[in-house]
Amino acid sequence: MLITYPISFTALSLYRYVRLIVNCGSSWTFRSIPPPENPSYTSDDVTVLIPTICCEDQHDDFRLCLRSCLATKPHEILVSTIESDLLRITELAHSIDPRIQVMAASFANKRQQIYEAIPRITTSITILADDDIELPSKSLPHILAPFEDSKIGAVGTCQRVRRRPGLGILDTMWQYLGECYIERRNFEISATSHIDGRISCLSGRVAAIRTEILQSKELKAGYVTETWLGKRLNADDDNFVTRFLVAKGWGIRIQMSKEAEVLTTLEFGWGFLKQCLRWARSNWRSNIKSIIFEWRVWMQTPWSLYALLLATLSHSLITDPLIGFLLHCSTITWDPSHRLLIFCIFALWLLFTKVVKLLPHFALYPRDICLLPVTILFGYCHGLIKLYALFTLHVITWGSRNEHGKED
């Protein structure tokens, strides 16, 4: 059968946009699980584990993180740092509350710092948290609510960037791009979680996990020994945990309510670009592992598998111009006025696809609509970042994390 331009245009458009249309309906109708009247788990069943190697210029963010975690009234807050920073981090933590426990891991590596802290945890639930996040004071009942279902192994949360005041124009744009990244992620995970209970990655910024899973021999055996191309991975810890949960049949739930909304920070300038590059490499590596080694598990949730494949194999930098070219070829014999109309509709549709995931952000910050061209331009530039990441998958360090100290 001859594959004509209209058939090619239709096929590529369906491949590219069916997921978006379905995910819109799913994300917009998603509802968080409300806290039960008589919960099985309370804040006293929670340990907050914070791996950190924060520098002195990051102390303010770390203090805010510790204070916000204390406000949730967990059973314990455990900070895992390294020997060279132990005294400084201990003094900082104890200046806020002497009950905060601080320990030193063998070397500066997030996986290792978490790994060495896990045996110390005695509560049923562990919240893994980055050292720059801010937990709402009433968040724990909402984060713990999904654990009423014994099949749920981990819970993720809605996130938003904590805005920094007094920024210049350039830093404001970087902050906005970070906010767009987080907003798109909120959209994607709420959509796929609502459809079949799966998400592409449980965020490492904040995640609540059953301690029995973290302390299991199987997880611990692979957590600090995972490799890529024969080299031990430092990054991608959140992807490893996500794949482990999926492979073992544990459910992952997302809580999108305002009460569970976690605030975080992102880098500006080159630091943000390095974060984007690290995330892109992590996505490539994790998606490749999932598709090759765990496809049988993902076949149980075909929508998330489709979304995973689309995220891996589709890039707007390539598909948008290609769809436009196929539309041009398909309508070349049309009446000029009709052709102009169809191209206007196509342009509006493309604009909709760039905006729809960001609607909650623009509802909060209407003035940011003037930065929409920045979003669109960076979206296409990000396609280049993803392609560069594909050809540099051998780089396995964090890139945006200052890992100092000796690593064995």
Protein backbone atom coordinates (compact mmCIF):
# COMPACT_ATOMS: atom_id res chain seq x y z
CA MET A 1 0.00 0.00 0.00
CA LEU A 2 1.28 3.44 -0.92
CA ILE A 3 1.89 5.56 2.18
CA THR A 4 0.68 9.01 1.18
CA TYR A 5 1.44 12.34 2.83
CA PRO A 6 -2.04 12.57 4.44
CA ILE A 7 -1.65 9.10 5.94
CA SER A 8 1.82 9.95 7.24
CA PHE A 9 0.56 13.25 8.67
CA THR A 10 -2.36 11.54 10.42
CA ALA A 11 -0.25 8.69 11.79
CA LEU A 12 2.48 10.95 13.17
CA SER A 13 -0.07 13.37 14.64
CA LEU A 14 -1.90 10.55 16.41
CA TYR A 15 1.37 9.12 17.71
CA ARG A 16 2.49 12.53 18.93
CA TYR A 17 -0.73 13.92 20.40
CA VAL A 18 -3.06 11.10 21.53
CA ARG A 19 -1.07 10.88 24.75
CA LEU A 20 -1.42 14.62 25.35
CA ILE A 21 -5.20 14.60 24.80
CA VAL A 22 -5.78 11.59 27.06
CA ASN A 23 -3.38 12.91 29.71
CA CYS A 24 -5.21 16.25 29.77
CA GLY A 25 -8.45 14.53 30.70
CA SER A 26 -6.70 12.30 33.21
CA SER A 27 -4.70 15.05 34.91
CA TRP A 28 -7.66 17.44 35.10
CA THR A 29 -9.86 14.79 36.76
CA PHE A 30 -7.17 13.48 39.13
CA ARG A 31 -8.08 13.59 42.82
CA SER A 32 -5.79 13.03 45.78
CA ILE A 33 -6.65 10.54 48.51
CA PRO A 34 -7.97 12.41 51.56
CA PRO A 35 -6.61 11.57 55.02
CA PRO A 36 -8.80 9.00 56.83
CA GLU A 37 -10.50 9.78 60.12
CA ASN A 38 -8.64 6.98 61.90
CA PRO A 39 -5.30 6.65 60.10
CA SER A 40 -3.10 3.58 60.38
CA TYR A 41 -0.03 5.82 60.15
CA THR A 42 0.67 9.11 61.88
CA SER A 43 3.60 11.50 61.98
CA ASP A 44 5.08 9.38 64.78
CA ASP A 45 5.54 6.59 62.21
CA VAL A 46 7.76 8.78 60.02
CA THR A 47 11.49 9.38 59.83
CA VAL A 48 12.69 12.15 57.53
CA LEU A 49 16.07 11.26 56.02
CA ILE A 50 18.03 14.14 54.47
CA PRO A 51 21.32 13.44 52.69
CA THR A 52 23.36 16.63 52.42
CA ILE A 53 26.75 18.07 51.59
CA CYS A 54 25.45 21.63 51.56
CA CYS A 55 28.02 24.39 51.34
CA GLU A 56 27.98 27.42 53.62
CA ASP A 57 26.22 29.54 51.00
CA GLN A 58 23.37 26.99 51.06
CA HIS A 59 22.84 27.12 54.82
CA ASP A 60 19.73 29.32 54.60
CA ASP A 61 17.94 26.81 52.37
CA PHE A 62 19.02 23.96 54.63
CA ARG A 63 17.76 25.74 57.75
CA LEU A 64 14.41 26.34 56.08
CA CYS A 65 14.29 22.67 55.12
CA LEU A 66 14.98 21.50 58.68
CA ARG A 67 12.47 23.91 60.22
CA SER A 68 9.74 22.86 57.80
CA CYS A 69 10.42 19.18 58.48
CA LEU A 70 10.30 19.79 62.23
CA ALA A 71 6.94 21.54 61.83
CA THR A 72 5.44 18.29 60.49
CA LYS A 73 6.33 16.63 63.84
CA PRO A 74 7.92 13.41 62.58
CA HIS A 75 9.29 10.76 64.92
CA GLU A 76 12.83 11.62 63.87
CA ILE A 77 14.88 13.72 61.46
CA LEU A 78 18.10 12.04 60.37
CA VAL A 79 20.72 14.00 58.43
CA SER A 80 23.37 12.04 56.56
CA THR A 81 26.51 13.98 55.64
CA ILE A 82 30.24 13.17 55.38
CA GLU A 83 33.04 13.18 57.95
CA SER A 84 34.63 16.45 56.80
CA ASP A 85 31.29 18.26 57.14
CA LEU A 86 30.02 16.49 60.26
CA LEU A 87 30.90 19.17 62.82
CA ARG A 88 29.58 22.05 60.70
CA ILE A 89 26.32 20.29 59.79
CA THR A 90 25.80 19.08 63.38
CA GLU A 91 26.23 22.60 64.77
CA LEU A 92 23.80 23.97 62.19
CA ALA A 93 21.20 21.27 62.86
CA HIS A 94 21.45 21.48 66.64
CA SER A 95 21.15 25.27 66.53
CA ILE A 96 17.65 24.62 65.21
CA ASP A 97 16.77 21.59 67.35
CA PRO A 98 19.17 19.33 69.28
CA ARG A 99 16.89 16.34 68.63
CA ILE A 100 17.96 16.27 64.97
CA GLN A 101 20.27 13.30 64.44
CA VAL A 102 23.36 13.79 62.27
CA MET A 103 25.63 11.02 60.99
CA ALA A 104 28.59 10.78 58.63
CA ALA A 105 28.71 8.41 55.66
CA SER A 106 31.90 6.98 54.19
CA PHE A 107 32.05 9.43 51.30
CA ALA A 108 30.07 12.11 49.47
CA ASN A 109 27.54 10.28 47.34
CA LYS A 110 23.78 10.58 47.73
CA ARG A 111 23.21 6.85 47.29
CA GLN A 112 25.91 5.97 49.80
CA GLN A 113 24.69 8.54 52.33
CA ILE A 114 21.16 7.14 52.16
CA TYR A 115 22.38 3.53 52.15
CA GLU A 116 24.40 3.96 55.36
CA ALA A 117 21.54 5.77 57.11
CA ILE A 118 18.78 3.27 56.28
CA PRO A 119 19.71 0.70 59.00
CA ARG A 120 19.24 3.38 61.67
CA ILE A 121 15.59 3.96 60.78
CA THR A 122 13.04 2.37 63.13
CA THR A 123 9.76 3.81 61.84
CA SER A 124 7.36 2.24 59.32
CA ILE A 125 7.64 5.08 56.80
CA THR A 126 10.73 6.93 55.59
CA ILE A 127 10.59 10.25 53.79
CA LEU A 128 13.64 10.83 51.62
CA ALA A 129 14.10 14.58 51.24
CA ASP A 130 16.58 16.87 49.54
CA ASP A 131 18.23 19.52 51.71
CA ASP A 132 16.55 22.46 49.95
CA ILE A 133 12.88 21.44 50.07
CA GLU A 134 10.14 22.93 52.22
CA LEU A 135 7.42 20.65 53.58
CA PRO A 136 4.02 22.17 54.47
CA SER A 137 3.39 21.82 58.19
CA LYS A 138 0.20 19.80 57.64
CA SER A 139 1.53 17.64 54.82
CA LEU A 140 2.15 14.33 56.59
CA PRO A 141 -1.51 13.20 56.97
CA HIS A 142 -1.95 13.74 53.22
CA ILE A 143 1.33 12.04 52.31
CA LEU A 144 0.54 9.07 54.56
CA ALA A 145 -3.07 8.61 53.41
CA PRO A 146 -2.30 6.33 50.41
CA PHE A 147 -0.42 3.91 52.69
CA GLU A 148 -3.80 2.76 54.04
CA ASP A 149 -3.68 0.53 50.95
CA SER A 150 -1.17 -2.22 51.78
CA LYS A 151 -0.21 -2.49 48.09
CA ILE A 152 1.13 1.08 47.99
CA GLY A 153 4.88 1.10 48.50
CA ALA A 154 5.68 4.76 47.92
CA VAL A 155 4.04 8.16 47.69
CA GLY A 156 5.16 11.20 45.72
CA THR A 157 3.90 14.75 45.97
CA CYS A 158 3.02 17.79 43.95
CA GLN A 159 5.95 20.20 43.74
CA ARG A 160 6.44 23.86 43.09
CA VAL A 161 9.49 26.11 42.89
CA ARG A 162 10.00 28.45 45.83
CA ARG A 163 10.28 31.88 44.26
CA ARG A 164 13.27 33.99 45.19
CA PRO A 165 12.57 37.73 45.52
CA GLY A 166 14.54 40.56 43.95
CA LEU A 167 15.84 38.70 40.90
CA GLY A 168 17.09 40.40 37.76
CA ILE A 169 15.52 39.80 34.36
CA LEU A 170 17.85 36.94 33.40
CA ASP A 171 17.53 35.08 36.70
CA THR A 172 13.76 35.59 36.59
CA MET A 173 13.70 33.78 33.24
CA TRP A 174 15.82 30.93 34.62
CA GLN A 175 13.51 30.64 37.61
CA TYR A 176 10.50 30.61 35.28
CA LEU A 177 12.00 27.81 33.17
CA GLY A 178 12.53 25.77 36.32
CA GLU A 179 8.93 26.37 37.34
CA CYS A 180 7.78 25.20 33.92
CA TYR A 181 9.79 22.00 34.28
CA ILE A 182 8.21 21.24 37.66
CA GLU A 183 4.72 22.10 36.38
CA ARG A 184 5.05 19.77 33.40
CA ARG A 185 6.20 17.02 35.72
CA ASN A 186 3.15 17.53 37.97
CA PHE A 187 0.96 17.17 34.89
CA GLU A 188 2.61 14.00 33.62
CA ILE A 189 2.75 12.06 36.89
CA SER A 190 -0.82 12.93 37.88
CA ALA A 191 -2.05 11.80 34.45
CA THR A 192 -0.31 8.43 34.25
CA SER A 193 -0.87 7.69 37.93
CA HIS A 194 -4.59 8.30 37.45
CA ILE A 195 -4.80 6.04 34.38
CA ASP A 196 -2.93 2.92 35.50
CA GLY A 197 -1.13 3.71 38.74
CA ARG A 198 2.35 4.10 37.26
CA ILE A 199 4.71 7.06 36.95
CA SER A 200 7.95 7.40 35.03
CA CYS A 201 10.00 8.39 38.07
CA LEU A 202 9.35 8.92 41.76
CA SER A 203 11.02 12.26 42.49
CA GLY A 204 14.13 12.18 44.63
CA ARG A 205 13.32 15.62 46.04
CA VAL A 206 10.65 14.20 48.35
CA ALA A 207 9.36 10.65 48.45
CA ALA A 208 7.68 8.65 51.21
CA ILE A 209 8.59 4.96 51.08
CA ARG A 210 7.80 2.00 53.30
CA THR A 211 10.93 1.39 55.38
CA GLU A 212 10.65 -2.37 54.87
CA ILE A 213 11.28 -1.77 51.16
CA LEU A 214 14.34 0.42 51.77
CA GLN A 215 15.72 -2.10 54.26
CA SER A 216 15.09 -5.12 52.05
CA LYS A 217 18.19 -7.05 51.03
CA GLU A 218 17.24 -6.91 47.35
CA LEU A 219 17.03 -3.13 47.20
CA LYS A 220 20.15 -2.59 49.28
CA ALA A 221 22.10 -5.04 47.13
CA GLY A 222 21.50 -3.00 44.00
CA TYR A 223 21.18 0.52 45.37
CA VAL A 224 24.90 1.29 45.66
CA THR A 225 26.13 -1.19 43.07
CA GLU A 226 24.03 -0.22 40.03
CA THR A 227 26.21 0.27 36.98
CA TRP A 228 26.02 1.72 33.50
CA LEU A 229 28.54 0.61 30.88
CA GLY A 230 30.54 -1.05 33.64
CA LYS A 231 30.76 2.05 35.84
CA ARG A 232 28.95 2.53 39.13
CA LEU A 233 26.16 5.10 38.91
CA ASN A 234 26.20 8.05 41.27
CA ALA A 235 23.08 9.72 39.86
CA ASP A 236 19.72 8.12 38.93
CA ASP A 237 18.95 6.93 42.49
CA ASP A 238 15.28 7.93 42.16
CA ASN A 239 14.96 6.03 38.88
CA PHE A 240 16.46 2.93 40.49
CA VAL A 241 13.96 3.02 43.35
CA THR A 242 11.07 3.57 40.93
CA ARG A 243 12.06 0.61 38.77
CA PHE A 244 12.54 -1.56 41.86
CA LEU A 245 9.04 -0.72 43.13
CA VAL A 246 7.51 -1.49 39.73
CA ALA A 247 9.43 -4.75 39.34
CA LYS A 248 8.34 -5.96 42.79
CA GLY A 249 4.69 -5.10 42.21
CA TRP A 250 4.44 -2.20 44.65
CA GLY A 251 2.06 0.62 43.81
CA ILE A 252 3.13 4.26 43.67
CA ARG A 253 0.63 6.99 44.50
CA ILE A 254 0.85 10.73 43.88
CA GLN A 255 -0.75 13.31 46.16
CA MET A 256 -1.49 16.55 44.33
CA SER A 257 -3.43 18.42 47.02
CA LYS A 258 -2.29 21.85 48.16
CA GLU A 259 -1.62 20.47 51.64
CA ALA A 260 1.01 18.11 50.19
CA GLU A 261 2.62 20.65 47.86
CA VAL A 262 6.37 20.66 48.43
CA LEU A 263 8.45 23.73 47.64
CA THR A 264 11.90 23.28 46.14
CA THR A 265 14.67 25.29 44.51
CA LEU A 266 16.42 24.92 41.16
CA GLU A 267 19.65 26.33 39.83
CA PHE A 268 19.98 29.35 37.57
CA GLY A 269 22.04 29.77 34.42
CA TRP A 270 24.63 27.11 33.67
CA GLY A 271 23.66 25.25 36.84
CA PHE A 272 20.11 24.81 35.53
CA LEU A 273 21.37 23.62 32.14
CA LYS A 274 23.58 21.05 33.88
CA GLN A 275 20.54 19.89 35.85
CA CYS A 276 18.56 19.52 32.62
CA LEU A 277 21.42 17.53 31.10
CA ARG A 278 21.62 15.23 34.13
CA TRP A 279 17.85 14.69 34.10
CA ALA A 280 17.96 13.93 30.38
CA ARG A 281 20.75 11.38 30.84
CA SER A 282 18.89 9.79 33.75
CA ASN A 283 15.72 9.53 31.67
CA TRP A 284 17.55 7.93 28.76
CA ARG A 285 19.33 5.39 30.97
CA SER A 286 16.27 4.50 33.03
CA ASN A 287 13.93 4.28 30.03
CA ILE A 288 16.38 2.07 28.16
CA LYS A 289 16.67 -0.25 31.16
CA SER A 290 12.90 -0.34 31.62
CA ILE A 291 12.18 -1.06 27.95
CA ILE A 292 14.88 -3.72 27.56
CA PHE A 293 14.87 -5.50 30.91
CA GLU A 294 11.46 -4.81 32.45
CA TRP A 295 9.10 -4.61 29.48
CA ARG A 296 7.06 -7.58 30.73
CA VAL A 297 6.24 -5.69 33.92
CA TRP A 298 5.39 -2.50 32.02
CA MET A 299 3.13 -4.47 29.66
CA GLN A 300 0.75 -4.78 32.62
CA THR A 301 0.25 -1.01 32.36
CA PRO A 302 0.22 -0.38 28.59
CA TRP A 303 -0.59 3.32 28.83
CA SER A 304 2.47 4.08 30.92
CA LEU A 305 4.55 1.91 28.59
CA TYR A 306 3.27 3.93 25.63
CA ALA A 307 4.03 7.17 27.47
CA LEU A 308 7.50 5.85 28.31
CA LEU A 309 8.20 4.94 24.68
CA LEU A 310 6.88 8.28 23.44
CA ALA A 311 9.00 10.22 25.92
CA THR A 312 12.05 8.25 24.81
CA LEU A 313 11.56 8.29 21.05
CA SER A 314 9.76 11.57 20.36
CA HIS A 315 11.29 15.05 20.36
CA SER A 316 9.39 18.20 19.42
CA LEU A 317 12.52 19.59 17.76
CA ILE A 318 12.09 16.83 15.16
CA THR A 319 8.38 16.00 15.18
CA ASP A 320 6.91 19.52 15.05
CA PRO A 321 8.73 20.54 11.84
CA LEU A 322 8.09 17.09 10.36
CA ILE A 323 4.35 17.29 11.03
CA GLY A 324 4.32 20.79 9.54
CA PHE A 325 6.14 19.52 6.45
CA LEU A 326 3.69 16.62 6.03
CA LEU A 327 0.76 19.03 6.39
CA HIS A 328 2.32 21.24 3.71
CA CYS A 329 2.69 18.30 1.33
CA SER A 330 -0.79 16.99 2.11
CA THR A 331 -2.51 20.28 1.29
CA ILE A 332 -0.39 21.49 -1.60
CA THR A 333 -3.30 21.14 -4.05
CA TRP A 334 -5.86 22.81 -1.78
CA ASP A 335 -7.50 26.16 -2.34
CA PRO A 336 -5.13 28.82 -0.88
CA SER A 337 -7.77 30.21 1.50
CA HIS A 338 -8.55 26.74 2.86
CA ARG A 339 -4.86 26.00 3.15
CA LEU A 340 -4.25 29.19 5.11
CA LEU A 341 -7.09 28.26 7.47
CA ILE A 342 -5.73 24.78 8.14
CA PHE A 343 -2.25 26.16 8.84
CA CYS A 344 -3.72 28.72 11.26
CA ILE A 345 -5.53 25.91 13.07
CA PHE A 346 -2.31 23.88 13.15
CA ALA A 347 -0.40 26.85 14.59
CA LEU A 348 -3.04 27.35 17.29
CA TRP A 349 -2.90 23.65 18.09
CA LEU A 350 0.88 23.77 18.46
CA LEU A 351 0.52 26.76 20.78
CA PHE A 352 -2.06 24.85 22.84
CA THR A 353 0.32 21.90 23.21
CA LYS A 354 3.01 24.22 24.56
CA VAL A 355 0.69 25.95 27.04
CA VAL A 356 -1.74 23.34 28.32
CA LYS A 357 0.60 21.73 30.86
CA LEU A 358 1.47 25.16 32.28
CA LEU A 359 -2.07 26.39 32.91
CA PRO A 360 -1.84 25.92 36.72
CA HIS A 361 1.34 28.02 36.73
CA PHE A 362 -0.22 30.83 34.70
CA ALA A 363 -3.27 30.72 36.98
CA LEU A 364 -0.94 31.41 39.93
CA TYR A 365 1.30 33.90 38.11
CA PRO A 366 -0.69 35.52 35.25
CA ARG A 367 2.12 37.97 34.48
CA ASP A 368 4.34 35.08 33.42
CA ILE A 369 2.27 34.65 30.25
CA CYS A 370 4.58 37.25 28.71
CA LEU A 371 7.42 34.73 29.13
CA LEU A 372 5.65 32.13 27.01
CA PRO A 373 8.00 32.68 24.02
CA VAL A 374 10.89 31.80 26.35
CA THR A 375 9.13 28.52 27.15
CA ILE A 376 8.64 27.62 23.50
CA LEU A 377 12.19 28.53 22.49
CA PHE A 378 13.74 26.63 25.40
CA GLY A 379 11.49 23.65 24.66
CA TYR A 380 13.12 23.29 21.25
CA CYS A 381 16.59 23.92 22.70
CA HIS A 382 15.90 21.20 25.25
CA GLY A 383 15.55 18.81 22.33
CA LEU A 384 19.22 19.47 21.60
CA ILE A 385 20.06 18.85 25.26
CA LYS A 386 18.28 15.48 25.09
CA LEU A 387 20.17 14.52 21.94
CA TYR A 388 23.48 15.57 23.51
CA ALA A 389 22.56 13.56 26.61
CA LEU A 390 21.97 10.47 24.45
CA PHE A 391 25.53 10.62 23.15
CA THR A 392 27.06 11.28 26.59
CA LEU A 393 25.34 8.57 28.63
CA HIS A 394 28.77 7.45 29.82
CA VAL A 395 28.85 10.53 32.10
CA ILE A 396 27.46 9.13 35.36
CA THR A 397 28.20 11.90 37.88
CA TRP A 398 25.65 14.40 39.14
CA GLY A 399 27.07 17.41 37.37
CA SER A 400 24.97 19.83 39.45
CA ARG A 401 25.85 18.38 42.85
CA ASN A 402 29.09 19.27 44.60
CA GLU A 403 30.29 15.81 45.56
CA HIS A 404 33.47 16.32 47.47
CA GLY A 405 35.33 13.93 49.69
CA LYS A 406 36.98 10.68 48.73
CA GLU A 407 34.88 8.05 47.02
CA ASP A 408 36.06 4.45 47.11
